[in-house]
Amino acid sequence: MVRNAIIVGLAVGWIGISPVQAQPALDMCAPNQRNTPDKTCIVDGDTLWLNGENIRLEGFDTPEPQTNICGGDQEKALAAQASARLRDLLNGNEWTIERDGMDRNGRTLATIRIGGRDVGEWLVEERLARWWPDGEEWWCAD
């Protein structure tokens, strides 16, 4: 399967060999920002909007910030940490994005790499995420 890659720099981005406008610094999505065109922001530790495209990062899962499915306040706090770490990684480094189809919710599935390393690896190693689909949701434990 061919993946679509975009190299995004701190100052200049590229699609193939065609220059594109530099990406603004990523911040957390505001509630009213989710339905605006060309939005670019972080939803949570594994989901972001990039120029109006809803992207779900593949291979790992982070706690849920709004629904706290199983871990209550602990899950929400960990979700905030995972989101902040993703923001710091993306804003502090050059990165690439490799698109790989769509999920059942219409989001683009993708992998973001920094220096060839999946950002999910950092989050899993720092206990801010789990591998998907087989990693244990350890934040759900009492």
C-alpha atoms as a PDB file:
ATOM      1  CA  MET A   1       0.000   0.000   0.000  1.00  0.00           C
ATOM      2  CA  VAL A   2       1.377   3.424  -0.914  1.00  0.00           C
ATOM      3  CA  ARG A   3       1.329   5.969   1.870  1.00  0.00           C
ATOM      4  CA  ASN A   4       1.015   9.676   1.356  1.00  0.00           C
ATOM      5  CA  ALA A   5       3.839  11.481   3.173  1.00  0.00           C
ATOM      6  CA  ILE A   6       4.122  15.105   4.180  1.00  0.00           C
ATOM      7  CA  ILE A   7       7.288  16.444   5.732  1.00  0.00           C
ATOM      8  CA  VAL A   8       6.488  19.266   8.103  1.00  0.00           C
ATOM      9  CA  GLY A   9       9.286  21.485   9.350  1.00  0.00           C
ATOM     10  CA  LEU A  10       9.368  24.079  12.061  1.00  0.00           C
ATOM     11  CA  ALA A  11       9.525  26.739   9.373  1.00  0.00           C
ATOM     12  CA  VAL A  12       8.819  25.095   5.995  1.00  0.00           C
ATOM     13  CA  GLY A  13       6.697  22.095   5.002  1.00  0.00           C
ATOM     14  CA  TRP A  14       6.842  19.972   1.840  1.00  0.00           C
ATOM     15  CA  ILE A  15       4.440  17.719  -0.044  1.00  0.00           C
ATOM     16  CA  GLY A  16       6.663  15.637  -2.246  1.00  0.00           C
ATOM     17  CA  ILE A  17       8.820  18.354  -3.783  1.00  0.00           C
ATOM     18  CA  SER A  18       6.215  21.129  -3.781  1.00  0.00           C
ATOM     19  CA  PRO A  19       6.584  23.646  -0.941  1.00  0.00           C
ATOM     20  CA  VAL A  20       3.489  24.366   1.140  1.00  0.00           C
ATOM     21  CA  GLN A  21       2.791  26.996   3.744  1.00  0.00           C
ATOM     22  CA  ALA A  22       4.488  26.409   7.095  1.00  0.00           C
ATOM     23  CA  GLN A  23       2.293  24.845   9.790  1.00  0.00           C
ATOM     24  CA  PRO A  24       1.337  27.062  12.706  1.00  0.00           C
ATOM     25  CA  ALA A  25       2.225  25.919  16.190  1.00  0.00           C
ATOM     26  CA  LEU A  26      -0.207  23.250  17.306  1.00  0.00           C
ATOM     27  CA  ASP A  27      -2.281  23.907  20.389  1.00  0.00           C
ATOM     28  CA  MET A  28      -5.213  22.129  21.985  1.00  0.00           C
ATOM     29  CA  CYS A  29      -8.531  22.424  20.127  1.00  0.00           C
ATOM     30  CA  ALA A  30     -11.007  24.805  21.686  1.00  0.00           C
ATOM     31  CA  PRO A  31     -14.588  23.445  21.865  1.00  0.00           C
ATOM     32  CA  ASN A  32     -15.782  25.919  19.211  1.00  0.00           C
ATOM     33  CA  GLN A  33     -12.786  25.212  16.951  1.00  0.00           C
ATOM     34  CA  ARG A  34     -13.772  21.669  15.987  1.00  0.00           C
ATOM     35  CA  ASN A  35     -16.278  22.750  13.327  1.00  0.00           C
ATOM     36  CA  THR A  36     -14.253  25.467  11.618  1.00  0.00           C
ATOM     37  CA  PRO A  37     -12.664  25.030   8.184  1.00  0.00           C
ATOM     38  CA  ASP A  38      -8.880  24.684   7.966  1.00  0.00           C
ATOM     39  CA  LYS A  39      -8.572  24.024  11.697  1.00  0.00           C
ATOM     40  CA  THR A  40      -5.201  22.835  12.972  1.00  0.00           C
ATOM     41  CA  CYS A  41      -5.127  21.695  16.588  1.00  0.00           C
ATOM     42  CA  ILE A  42      -4.720  18.699  18.886  1.00  0.00           C
ATOM     43  CA  VAL A  43      -7.913  16.967  20.044  1.00  0.00           C
ATOM     44  CA  ASP A  44      -6.192  14.521  22.410  1.00  0.00           C
ATOM     45  CA  GLY A  45      -3.088  12.338  22.596  1.00  0.00           C
ATOM     46  CA  ASP A  46      -3.949  10.313  19.479  1.00  0.00           C
ATOM     47  CA  THR A  47      -6.151  12.642  17.395  1.00  0.00           C
ATOM     48  CA  LEU A  48      -5.546  15.991  15.713  1.00  0.00           C
ATOM     49  CA  TRP A  49      -6.856  18.305  13.029  1.00  0.00           C
ATOM     50  CA  LEU A  50      -4.340  19.355  10.357  1.00  0.00           C
ATOM     51  CA  ASN A  51      -5.547  21.998   7.914  1.00  0.00           C
ATOM     52  CA  GLY A  52      -9.141  20.823   8.332  1.00  0.00           C
ATOM     53  CA  GLU A  53      -8.340  17.103   8.077  1.00  0.00           C
ATOM     54  CA  ASN A  54      -9.328  14.925  11.068  1.00  0.00           C
ATOM     55  CA  ILE A  55      -6.416  12.556  11.752  1.00  0.00           C
ATOM     56  CA  ARG A  56      -6.398   9.505  14.051  1.00  0.00           C
ATOM     57  CA  LEU A  57      -2.885   8.292  14.815  1.00  0.00           C
ATOM     58  CA  GLU A  58      -2.458   4.548  14.296  1.00  0.00           C
ATOM     59  CA  GLY A  59      -0.988   1.875  16.499  1.00  0.00           C
ATOM     60  CA  PHE A  60      -1.537   3.386  19.921  1.00  0.00           C
ATOM     61  CA  ASP A  61      -4.333   4.645  22.131  1.00  0.00           C
ATOM     62  CA  THR A  62      -4.383   7.327  24.820  1.00  0.00           C
ATOM     63  CA  PRO A  63      -6.816   7.906  27.677  1.00  0.00           C
ATOM     64  CA  GLU A  64      -9.993   9.834  26.879  1.00  0.00           C
ATOM     65  CA  PRO A  65     -10.145  13.438  28.123  1.00  0.00           C
ATOM     66  CA  GLN A  66     -13.891  14.057  27.858  1.00  0.00           C
ATOM     67  CA  THR A  67     -15.568  10.716  28.409  1.00  0.00           C
ATOM     68  CA  ASN A  68     -13.128   9.112  30.887  1.00  0.00           C
ATOM     69  CA  ILE A  69     -14.457   5.739  29.799  1.00  0.00           C
ATOM     70  CA  CYS A  70     -13.074   3.677  32.651  1.00  0.00           C
ATOM     71  CA  GLY A  71     -10.578   5.563  34.776  1.00  0.00           C
ATOM     72  CA  GLY A  72     -12.447   8.606  36.058  1.00  0.00           C
ATOM     73  CA  ASP A  73     -10.352  11.576  37.170  1.00  0.00           C
ATOM     74  CA  GLN A  74      -7.104   9.607  36.822  1.00  0.00           C
ATOM     75  CA  GLU A  75      -7.903   8.911  33.165  1.00  0.00           C
ATOM     76  CA  LYS A  76      -8.757  12.555  32.473  1.00  0.00           C
ATOM     77  CA  ALA A  77      -5.513  13.745  34.104  1.00  0.00           C
ATOM     78  CA  LEU A  78      -3.459  11.231  32.124  1.00  0.00           C
ATOM     79  CA  ALA A  79      -5.281  12.245  28.924  1.00  0.00           C
ATOM     80  CA  ALA A  80      -4.252  15.859  29.511  1.00  0.00           C
ATOM     81  CA  GLN A  81      -0.632  14.782  30.000  1.00  0.00           C
ATOM     82  CA  ALA A  82      -0.680  12.677  26.801  1.00  0.00           C
ATOM     83  CA  SER A  83      -2.166  15.549  24.802  1.00  0.00           C
ATOM     84  CA  ALA A  84       0.400  18.018  26.165  1.00  0.00           C
ATOM     85  CA  ARG A  85       3.251  15.622  25.358  1.00  0.00           C
ATOM     86  CA  LEU A  86       2.019  15.141  21.772  1.00  0.00           C
ATOM     87  CA  ARG A  87       1.802  18.934  21.420  1.00  0.00           C
ATOM     88  CA  ASP A  88       5.357  19.361  22.742  1.00  0.00           C
ATOM     89  CA  LEU A  89       6.740  16.650  20.460  1.00  0.00           C
ATOM     90  CA  LEU A  90       5.104  18.117  17.349  1.00  0.00           C
ATOM     91  CA  ASN A  91       5.916  21.740  18.142  1.00  0.00           C
ATOM     92  CA  GLY A  92       9.520  21.016  19.109  1.00  0.00           C
ATOM     93  CA  ASN A  93      10.606  18.821  16.199  1.00  0.00           C
ATOM     94  CA  GLU A  94      10.435  18.342  12.451  1.00  0.00           C
ATOM     95  CA  TRP A  95       8.027  15.520  11.640  1.00  0.00           C
ATOM     96  CA  THR A  96       6.484  13.530   8.830  1.00  0.00           C
ATOM     97  CA  ILE A  97       2.973  12.194   8.468  1.00  0.00           C
ATOM     98  CA  GLU A  98       2.139   9.025   6.562  1.00  0.00           C
ATOM     99  CA  ARG A  99      -1.521   8.568   5.708  1.00  0.00           C
ATOM    100  CA  ASP A 100      -2.988   5.063   5.535  1.00  0.00           C
ATOM    101  CA  GLY A 101      -6.685   5.182   4.635  1.00  0.00           C
ATOM    102  CA  MET A 102      -9.727   6.053   6.732  1.00  0.00           C
ATOM    103  CA  ASP A 103     -11.293   4.655   9.880  1.00  0.00           C
ATOM    104  CA  ARG A 104     -14.991   3.836  10.302  1.00  0.00           C
ATOM    105  CA  ASN A 105     -15.585   7.370  11.657  1.00  0.00           C
ATOM    106  CA  GLY A 106     -14.228   9.045   8.517  1.00  0.00           C
ATOM    107  CA  ARG A 107     -10.937  10.101  10.098  1.00  0.00           C
ATOM    108  CA  THR A 108      -7.671   9.750   8.216  1.00  0.00           C
ATOM    109  CA  LEU A 109      -5.496   7.027   9.742  1.00  0.00           C
ATOM    110  CA  ALA A 110      -1.877   8.117   9.921  1.00  0.00           C
ATOM    111  CA  THR A 111       1.509   7.735  11.558  1.00  0.00           C
ATOM    112  CA  ILE A 112       3.555  10.750  12.582  1.00  0.00           C
ATOM    113  CA  ARG A 113       7.306  10.215  12.795  1.00  0.00           C
ATOM    114  CA  ILE A 114      10.073  12.321  14.271  1.00  0.00           C
ATOM    115  CA  GLY A 115      13.461  11.278  12.980  1.00  0.00           C
ATOM    116  CA  GLY A 116      11.869   8.080  11.668  1.00  0.00           C
ATOM    117  CA  ARG A 117      10.375   7.189  15.084  1.00  0.00           C
ATOM    118  CA  ASP A 118       6.600   6.886  15.598  1.00  0.00           C
ATOM    119  CA  VAL A 119       5.393   9.474  18.152  1.00  0.00           C
ATOM    120  CA  GLY A 120       3.348   6.670  19.703  1.00  0.00           C
ATOM    121  CA  GLU A 121       6.598   5.034  20.854  1.00  0.00           C
ATOM    122  CA  TRP A 122       7.400   8.036  23.061  1.00  0.00           C
ATOM    123  CA  LEU A 123       3.907   8.105  24.527  1.00  0.00           C
ATOM    124  CA  VAL A 124       3.865   4.355  25.260  1.00  0.00           C
ATOM    125  CA  GLU A 125       7.381   4.423  26.766  1.00  0.00           C
ATOM    126  CA  GLU A 126       6.381   7.371  28.973  1.00  0.00           C
ATOM    127  CA  ARG A 127       3.212   5.515  30.111  1.00  0.00           C
ATOM    128  CA  LEU A 128       0.939   8.082  28.496  1.00  0.00           C
ATOM    129  CA  ALA A 129      -0.497   5.574  25.987  1.00  0.00           C
ATOM    130  CA  ARG A 130      -0.867   1.876  25.240  1.00  0.00           C
ATOM    131  CA  TRP A 131      -0.305  -0.080  22.057  1.00  0.00           C
ATOM    132  CA  TRP A 132      -3.502  -0.586  20.059  1.00  0.00           C
ATOM    133  CA  PRO A 133      -5.346  -2.934  19.887  1.00  0.00           C
ATOM    134  CA  ASP A 134      -3.565  -5.350  22.225  1.00  0.00           C
ATOM    135  CA  GLY A 135      -2.155  -3.090  24.928  1.00  0.00           C
ATOM    136  CA  GLU A 136      -3.698  -3.115  28.373  1.00  0.00           C
ATOM    137  CA  GLU A 137      -5.763  -0.081  29.376  1.00  0.00           C
ATOM    138  CA  TRP A 138      -3.794   0.127  32.621  1.00  0.00           C
ATOM    139  CA  TRP A 139      -5.350   3.488  33.492  1.00  0.00           C
ATOM    140  CA  CYS A 140      -8.638   1.619  33.998  1.00  0.00           C
ATOM    141  CA  ALA A 141      -7.313  -0.370  36.955  1.00  0.00           C
ATOM    142  CA  ASP A 142      -8.375   0.648  40.452  1.00  0.00           C
END
